[in-house]
Amino acid sequence: MKRFLIFLGILLLVTTLFLTFLPISTAEALPEYSAQTGEPCFSCHISPSGGGPRGPRGQAWVASSKPGAVPDLIASLELLGVELTVDPAYFTVTNLEVQEPEALETTFGQGQSLYRWLSQYDGN
C-alpha cells in the first residue's frame, strides 16, 4: 500500500509539472493574415490592436475559408445570414424648412467669468 501511495504522489507531481509547463496557445490569428489580405488586424478583430474576438468581417472571413480578401461589412453580414432591407424614403427628407441659427452671444458683463457663462448656457 505504501508503494502505491508513493507511486500515486509521483504521478500527481509529474502530471502537475507537465501541465504547468505545457505551452498553451489560444491565438489562431497571425500577423501574416494581415499581410495576406492587405488589411490591418482591426479589420477582422474588435480590438484596435488586433487579436481577441472577431467582428462581423473577421467572422465572415473565417467562415468563407480565409480567402485572399476580407469581405466588406455588407457582404460580411450577408455571409453571416443577416438580412438588410433599407427603405430609401426613411432617409429622404422632403418639405423641410431649415431655420437660420441665432448668433451666439459671446460678450461678458462686468465680473462674469467664462465658466459661469458656459455653465448657464443651455445649448442651441
N, C-alpha and C. Protein backbone atom coordinates (compact mmCIF):
# COMPACT_ATOMS: atom_id res chain seq x y z
N MET A 1 0.82 -1.19 0.00
CA MET A 1 0.00 0.00 0.00
C MET A 1 0.87 1.26 0.00
N LYS A 2 2.00 1.19 0.74
CA LYS A 2 2.89 2.34 0.81
C LYS A 2 3.50 2.65 -0.56
N ARG A 3 3.86 1.62 -1.32
CA ARG A 3 4.41 1.82 -2.66
C ARG A 3 3.37 2.47 -3.59
N PHE A 4 2.13 2.06 -3.44
CA PHE A 4 1.06 2.62 -4.27
C PHE A 4 0.90 4.12 -4.00
N LEU A 5 0.93 4.53 -2.75
CA LEU A 5 0.79 5.95 -2.40
C LEU A 5 1.98 6.76 -2.91
N ILE A 6 3.18 6.20 -2.82
CA ILE A 6 4.37 6.88 -3.35
C ILE A 6 4.26 7.02 -4.87
N PHE A 7 3.83 5.93 -5.53
CA PHE A 7 3.64 5.98 -6.98
C PHE A 7 2.59 7.01 -7.37
N LEU A 8 1.48 7.03 -6.63
CA LEU A 8 0.41 7.99 -6.90
C LEU A 8 0.89 9.43 -6.69
N GLY A 9 1.69 9.67 -5.64
CA GLY A 9 2.22 11.01 -5.38
C GLY A 9 3.17 11.46 -6.47
N ILE A 10 4.05 10.54 -6.92
CA ILE A 10 4.98 10.89 -8.00
C ILE A 10 4.21 11.15 -9.30
N LEU A 11 3.20 10.34 -9.57
CA LEU A 11 2.39 10.54 -10.77
C LEU A 11 1.67 11.88 -10.73
N LEU A 12 1.13 12.24 -9.58
CA LEU A 12 0.46 13.53 -9.43
C LEU A 12 1.45 14.68 -9.61
N LEU A 13 2.66 14.54 -9.06
CA LEU A 13 3.68 15.57 -9.19
C LEU A 13 4.11 15.75 -10.65
N VAL A 14 4.35 14.65 -11.33
CA VAL A 14 4.77 14.71 -12.74
C VAL A 14 3.66 15.31 -13.59
N THR A 15 2.42 14.92 -13.35
CA THR A 15 1.29 15.47 -14.11
C THR A 15 1.15 16.97 -13.87
N THR A 16 1.30 17.39 -12.62
CA THR A 16 1.20 18.82 -12.30
C THR A 16 2.32 19.61 -12.98
N LEU A 17 3.53 19.10 -12.92
CA LEU A 17 4.64 19.79 -13.59
C LEU A 17 4.45 19.83 -15.09
N PHE A 18 3.96 18.76 -15.67
CA PHE A 18 3.73 18.71 -17.11
C PHE A 18 2.69 19.75 -17.53
N LEU A 19 1.59 19.80 -16.79
CA LEU A 19 0.53 20.76 -17.13
C LEU A 19 0.96 22.20 -16.85
N THR A 20 1.83 22.39 -15.87
CA THR A 20 2.30 23.74 -15.55
C THR A 20 3.16 24.32 -16.67
N PHE A 21 4.01 23.49 -17.23
CA PHE A 21 4.93 23.98 -18.25
C PHE A 21 4.48 23.68 -19.67
N LEU A 22 3.28 23.17 -19.82
CA LEU A 22 2.73 22.89 -21.14
C LEU A 22 2.40 24.21 -21.83
N PRO A 23 2.95 24.47 -23.00
CA PRO A 23 2.61 25.74 -23.67
C PRO A 23 1.18 25.69 -24.18
N ILE A 24 0.42 26.66 -23.74
CA ILE A 24 -0.97 26.75 -24.17
C ILE A 24 -1.08 27.89 -25.17
N SER A 25 -1.49 27.56 -26.36
CA SER A 25 -1.61 28.56 -27.42
C SER A 25 -3.07 28.67 -27.82
N THR A 26 -3.68 29.81 -27.51
CA THR A 26 -5.07 30.01 -27.88
C THR A 26 -5.22 30.92 -29.09
N ALA A 27 -4.17 31.62 -29.46
CA ALA A 27 -4.25 32.56 -30.58
C ALA A 27 -4.11 31.81 -31.89
N GLU A 28 -5.08 32.03 -32.76
CA GLU A 28 -5.01 31.43 -34.08
C GLU A 28 -4.76 32.48 -35.15
N ALA A 29 -4.96 33.74 -34.80
CA ALA A 29 -4.73 34.81 -35.76
C ALA A 29 -3.24 35.12 -35.82
N LEU A 30 -2.79 35.31 -37.00
CA LEU A 30 -1.37 35.59 -37.19
C LEU A 30 -1.21 36.89 -37.97
N PRO A 31 -0.15 37.63 -37.71
CA PRO A 31 0.08 38.85 -38.49
C PRO A 31 0.21 38.57 -39.98
N GLU A 32 0.56 37.34 -40.34
CA GLU A 32 0.67 37.03 -41.77
C GLU A 32 -0.70 37.09 -42.46
N TYR A 33 -1.79 36.91 -41.70
CA TYR A 33 -3.11 37.07 -42.31
C TYR A 33 -3.32 38.51 -42.76
N SER A 34 -2.81 39.44 -41.96
CA SER A 34 -2.89 40.85 -42.33
C SER A 34 -2.10 41.11 -43.61
N ALA A 35 -0.93 40.51 -43.71
CA ALA A 35 -0.12 40.66 -44.92
C ALA A 35 -0.78 39.99 -46.12
N GLN A 36 -1.43 38.86 -45.88
CA GLN A 36 -2.10 38.12 -46.95
C GLN A 36 -3.28 38.91 -47.53
N THR A 37 -4.05 39.55 -46.64
CA THR A 37 -5.25 40.25 -47.09
C THR A 37 -5.00 41.72 -47.40
N GLY A 38 -3.90 42.27 -46.89
CA GLY A 38 -3.64 43.70 -47.09
C GLY A 38 -4.47 44.58 -46.17
N GLU A 39 -5.07 43.99 -45.16
CA GLU A 39 -5.91 44.72 -44.21
C GLU A 39 -5.21 44.77 -42.86
N PRO A 40 -5.45 45.83 -42.07
CA PRO A 40 -4.90 45.85 -40.72
C PRO A 40 -5.65 44.85 -39.84
N CYS A 41 -5.05 44.47 -38.72
CA CYS A 41 -5.63 43.45 -37.84
C CYS A 41 -7.03 43.83 -37.35
N PHE A 42 -7.26 45.13 -37.11
CA PHE A 42 -8.55 45.53 -36.57
C PHE A 42 -9.68 45.47 -37.61
N SER A 43 -9.36 45.14 -38.84
CA SER A 43 -10.43 44.93 -39.82
C SER A 43 -11.25 43.70 -39.45
N CYS A 44 -10.59 42.71 -38.87
CA CYS A 44 -11.27 41.47 -38.50
C CYS A 44 -11.56 41.38 -37.01
N HIS A 45 -10.74 42.03 -36.19
CA HIS A 45 -10.87 41.89 -34.74
C HIS A 45 -11.52 43.13 -34.14
N ILE A 46 -12.17 42.92 -33.00
CA ILE A 46 -12.83 44.02 -32.30
C ILE A 46 -11.80 44.96 -31.68
N SER A 47 -10.72 44.41 -31.16
CA SER A 47 -9.69 45.22 -30.54
C SER A 47 -8.95 46.05 -31.60
N PRO A 48 -8.70 47.33 -31.33
CA PRO A 48 -7.96 48.15 -32.30
C PRO A 48 -6.55 47.63 -32.59
N SER A 49 -5.96 46.92 -31.63
CA SER A 49 -4.62 46.38 -31.86
C SER A 49 -4.67 44.99 -32.48
N GLY A 50 -5.86 44.47 -32.75
CA GLY A 50 -5.99 43.13 -33.31
C GLY A 50 -5.96 42.09 -32.22
N GLY A 51 -6.30 40.87 -32.56
CA GLY A 51 -6.35 39.79 -31.59
C GLY A 51 -7.66 39.80 -30.83
N GLY A 52 -7.93 38.70 -30.18
CA GLY A 52 -9.17 38.60 -29.40
C GLY A 52 -10.36 38.27 -30.28
N PRO A 53 -11.56 38.58 -29.79
CA PRO A 53 -12.78 38.24 -30.54
C PRO A 53 -12.82 38.95 -31.89
N ARG A 54 -13.45 38.28 -32.85
CA ARG A 54 -13.58 38.86 -34.20
C ARG A 54 -14.90 39.61 -34.33
N GLY A 55 -14.86 40.64 -35.16
CA GLY A 55 -16.07 41.35 -35.51
C GLY A 55 -16.74 40.64 -36.69
N PRO A 56 -17.80 41.22 -37.26
CA PRO A 56 -18.51 40.59 -38.38
C PRO A 56 -17.61 40.31 -39.58
N ARG A 57 -16.72 41.23 -39.91
CA ARG A 57 -15.85 41.00 -41.07
C ARG A 57 -14.91 39.82 -40.84
N GLY A 58 -14.35 39.72 -39.64
CA GLY A 58 -13.46 38.62 -39.31
C GLY A 58 -14.18 37.29 -39.27
N GLN A 59 -15.40 37.30 -38.73
CA GLN A 59 -16.19 36.07 -38.68
C GLN A 59 -16.53 35.59 -40.08
N ALA A 60 -16.91 36.52 -40.95
CA ALA A 60 -17.24 36.14 -42.32
C ALA A 60 -16.01 35.67 -43.08
N TRP A 61 -14.85 36.27 -42.81
CA TRP A 61 -13.62 35.86 -43.48
C TRP A 61 -13.26 34.43 -43.11
N VAL A 62 -13.37 34.10 -41.83
CA VAL A 62 -13.08 32.73 -41.39
C VAL A 62 -14.13 31.77 -41.93
N ALA A 63 -15.40 32.19 -41.93
CA ALA A 63 -16.49 31.32 -42.41
C ALA A 63 -16.35 31.02 -43.89
N SER A 64 -15.71 31.91 -44.64
CA SER A 64 -15.54 31.68 -46.07
C SER A 64 -14.16 31.09 -46.39
N SER A 65 -13.59 30.37 -45.44
CA SER A 65 -12.33 29.64 -45.60
C SER A 65 -11.12 30.54 -45.84
N LYS A 66 -11.12 31.70 -45.24
CA LYS A 66 -9.98 32.63 -45.26
C LYS A 66 -9.47 32.91 -46.68
N PRO A 67 -10.30 33.56 -47.50
CA PRO A 67 -9.85 33.90 -48.86
C PRO A 67 -8.80 35.01 -48.82
N GLY A 68 -8.34 35.43 -49.97
CA GLY A 68 -7.29 36.43 -50.08
C GLY A 68 -7.73 37.83 -49.69
N ALA A 69 -9.03 38.08 -49.59
CA ALA A 69 -9.52 39.41 -49.24
C ALA A 69 -10.61 39.29 -48.19
N VAL A 70 -10.62 40.24 -47.27
CA VAL A 70 -11.66 40.28 -46.24
C VAL A 70 -12.89 40.94 -46.86
N PRO A 71 -14.08 40.32 -46.75
CA PRO A 71 -15.27 40.94 -47.34
C PRO A 71 -15.62 42.24 -46.63
N ASP A 72 -16.26 43.15 -47.37
CA ASP A 72 -16.69 44.39 -46.73
C ASP A 72 -17.82 44.09 -45.75
N LEU A 73 -18.26 45.11 -45.01
CA LEU A 73 -19.21 44.88 -43.93
C LEU A 73 -20.55 44.34 -44.44
N ILE A 74 -21.06 44.90 -45.53
CA ILE A 74 -22.35 44.45 -46.06
C ILE A 74 -22.25 42.99 -46.51
N ALA A 75 -21.21 42.66 -47.26
CA ALA A 75 -21.02 41.28 -47.71
C ALA A 75 -20.81 40.35 -46.51
N SER A 76 -20.12 40.83 -45.49
CA SER A 76 -19.90 40.02 -44.29
C SER A 76 -21.21 39.70 -43.60
N LEU A 77 -22.05 40.71 -43.45
CA LEU A 77 -23.33 40.48 -42.79
C LEU A 77 -24.20 39.52 -43.60
N GLU A 78 -24.16 39.63 -44.93
CA GLU A 78 -24.92 38.71 -45.77
C GLU A 78 -24.38 37.29 -45.64
N LEU A 79 -23.04 37.14 -45.59
CA LEU A 79 -22.44 35.82 -45.40
C LEU A 79 -22.84 35.21 -44.06
N LEU A 80 -23.02 36.06 -43.06
CA LEU A 80 -23.39 35.59 -41.73
C LEU A 80 -24.89 35.39 -41.58
N GLY A 81 -25.65 35.66 -42.63
CA GLY A 81 -27.09 35.42 -42.60
C GLY A 81 -27.94 36.58 -42.14
N VAL A 82 -27.35 37.77 -42.05
CA VAL A 82 -28.11 38.95 -41.65
C VAL A 82 -28.76 39.54 -42.89
N GLU A 83 -30.06 39.73 -42.83
CA GLU A 83 -30.78 40.33 -43.97
C GLU A 83 -30.97 41.81 -43.70
N LEU A 84 -30.51 42.61 -44.63
CA LEU A 84 -30.64 44.05 -44.50
C LEU A 84 -31.61 44.57 -45.55
N THR A 85 -32.65 45.21 -45.09
CA THR A 85 -33.57 45.86 -46.01
C THR A 85 -33.62 47.33 -45.63
N VAL A 86 -33.50 48.18 -46.62
CA VAL A 86 -33.45 49.61 -46.38
C VAL A 86 -34.53 50.27 -47.23
N ASP A 87 -35.31 51.11 -46.58
CA ASP A 87 -36.31 51.89 -47.29
C ASP A 87 -35.74 53.28 -47.50
N PRO A 88 -35.38 53.62 -48.76
CA PRO A 88 -34.76 54.94 -49.00
C PRO A 88 -35.64 56.10 -48.55
N ALA A 89 -36.96 55.93 -48.54
CA ALA A 89 -37.85 57.00 -48.12
C ALA A 89 -37.65 57.36 -46.65
N TYR A 90 -37.19 56.42 -45.88
CA TYR A 90 -36.94 56.67 -44.46
C TYR A 90 -35.81 57.68 -44.28
N PHE A 91 -34.88 57.72 -45.22
CA PHE A 91 -33.72 58.59 -45.12
C PHE A 91 -33.84 59.84 -45.98
N THR A 92 -34.94 60.02 -46.67
CA THR A 92 -35.13 61.16 -47.54
C THR A 92 -36.01 62.19 -46.83
N VAL A 93 -35.51 63.41 -46.75
CA VAL A 93 -36.26 64.48 -46.10
C VAL A 93 -36.89 65.33 -47.19
N THR A 94 -38.19 65.53 -47.09
CA THR A 94 -38.89 66.37 -48.07
C THR A 94 -39.67 67.45 -47.32
N ASN A 95 -39.83 68.59 -47.97
CA ASN A 95 -40.62 69.71 -47.43
C ASN A 95 -40.14 70.12 -46.03
N LEU A 96 -38.88 70.25 -45.87
CA LEU A 96 -38.34 70.64 -44.57
C LEU A 96 -37.83 72.07 -44.66
N GLU A 97 -38.31 72.91 -43.77
CA GLU A 97 -37.83 74.28 -43.71
C GLU A 97 -36.75 74.37 -42.65
N VAL A 98 -35.60 74.87 -43.04
CA VAL A 98 -34.49 75.00 -42.11
C VAL A 98 -34.45 76.42 -41.60
N GLN A 99 -34.47 76.55 -40.27
CA GLN A 99 -34.41 77.88 -39.67
C GLN A 99 -32.96 78.33 -39.57
N GLU A 100 -32.76 79.61 -39.76
CA GLU A 100 -31.43 80.18 -39.62
C GLU A 100 -31.03 80.12 -38.14
N PRO A 101 -29.82 79.73 -37.87
CA PRO A 101 -29.39 79.68 -36.46
C PRO A 101 -29.18 81.09 -35.91
N GLU A 102 -29.42 81.22 -34.62
CA GLU A 102 -29.18 82.51 -33.97
C GLU A 102 -27.69 82.63 -33.66
N ALA A 103 -27.21 83.83 -33.70
CA ALA A 103 -25.80 84.07 -33.39
C ALA A 103 -25.57 83.85 -31.91
N LEU A 104 -24.46 83.26 -31.59
CA LEU A 104 -24.10 83.01 -30.20
C LEU A 104 -23.47 84.27 -29.63
N GLU A 105 -24.05 84.76 -28.56
CA GLU A 105 -23.54 85.98 -27.95
C GLU A 105 -22.36 85.61 -27.05
N THR A 106 -21.25 86.25 -27.28
CA THR A 106 -20.04 85.89 -26.52
C THR A 106 -19.49 87.05 -25.71
N THR A 107 -20.28 88.08 -25.52
CA THR A 107 -19.79 89.21 -24.72
C THR A 107 -20.08 88.94 -23.26
N PHE A 108 -19.24 89.42 -22.39
CA PHE A 108 -19.38 89.18 -20.97
C PHE A 108 -19.59 90.50 -20.25
N GLY A 109 -20.39 90.42 -19.19
CA GLY A 109 -20.61 91.61 -18.37
C GLY A 109 -19.48 91.77 -17.37
N GLN A 110 -19.55 92.82 -16.59
CA GLN A 110 -18.54 93.09 -15.58
C GLN A 110 -18.51 91.96 -14.55
N GLY A 111 -17.35 91.35 -14.36
CA GLY A 111 -17.17 90.33 -13.33
C GLY A 111 -17.73 88.95 -13.67
N GLN A 112 -18.25 88.79 -14.87
CA GLN A 112 -18.81 87.48 -15.23
C GLN A 112 -17.72 86.62 -15.85
N SER A 113 -17.48 85.45 -15.28
CA SER A 113 -16.41 84.59 -15.78
C SER A 113 -16.91 83.70 -16.92
N LEU A 114 -15.98 83.22 -17.69
CA LEU A 114 -16.30 82.33 -18.79
C LEU A 114 -16.96 81.06 -18.26
N TYR A 115 -16.47 80.54 -17.12
CA TYR A 115 -17.05 79.32 -16.54
C TYR A 115 -18.52 79.52 -16.21
N ARG A 116 -18.86 80.63 -15.58
CA ARG A 116 -20.25 80.91 -15.21
C ARG A 116 -21.10 81.03 -16.47
N TRP A 117 -20.59 81.69 -17.47
CA TRP A 117 -21.34 81.85 -18.72
C TRP A 117 -21.60 80.48 -19.36
N LEU A 118 -20.55 79.62 -19.43
CA LEU A 118 -20.72 78.31 -20.03
C LEU A 118 -21.64 77.42 -19.22
N SER A 119 -21.60 77.51 -17.90
CA SER A 119 -22.46 76.67 -17.07
C SER A 119 -23.92 77.08 -17.18
N GLN A 120 -24.20 78.29 -17.56
CA GLN A 120 -25.59 78.74 -17.69
C GLN A 120 -26.10 78.60 -19.13
N TYR A 121 -25.21 78.30 -20.07
CA TYR A 121 -25.61 78.19 -21.47
C TYR A 121 -26.40 76.91 -21.67
N ASP A 122 -27.60 76.99 -22.26
CA ASP A 122 -28.46 75.83 -22.42
C ASP A 122 -28.38 75.19 -23.82
N GLY A 123 -27.44 75.59 -24.60
CA GLY A 123 -27.28 75.00 -25.95
C GLY A 123 -28.04 75.77 -27.00
N ASN A 124 -28.11 75.21 -28.19
CA ASN A 124 -28.80 75.89 -29.28
C ASN A 124 -30.27 75.61 -29.24
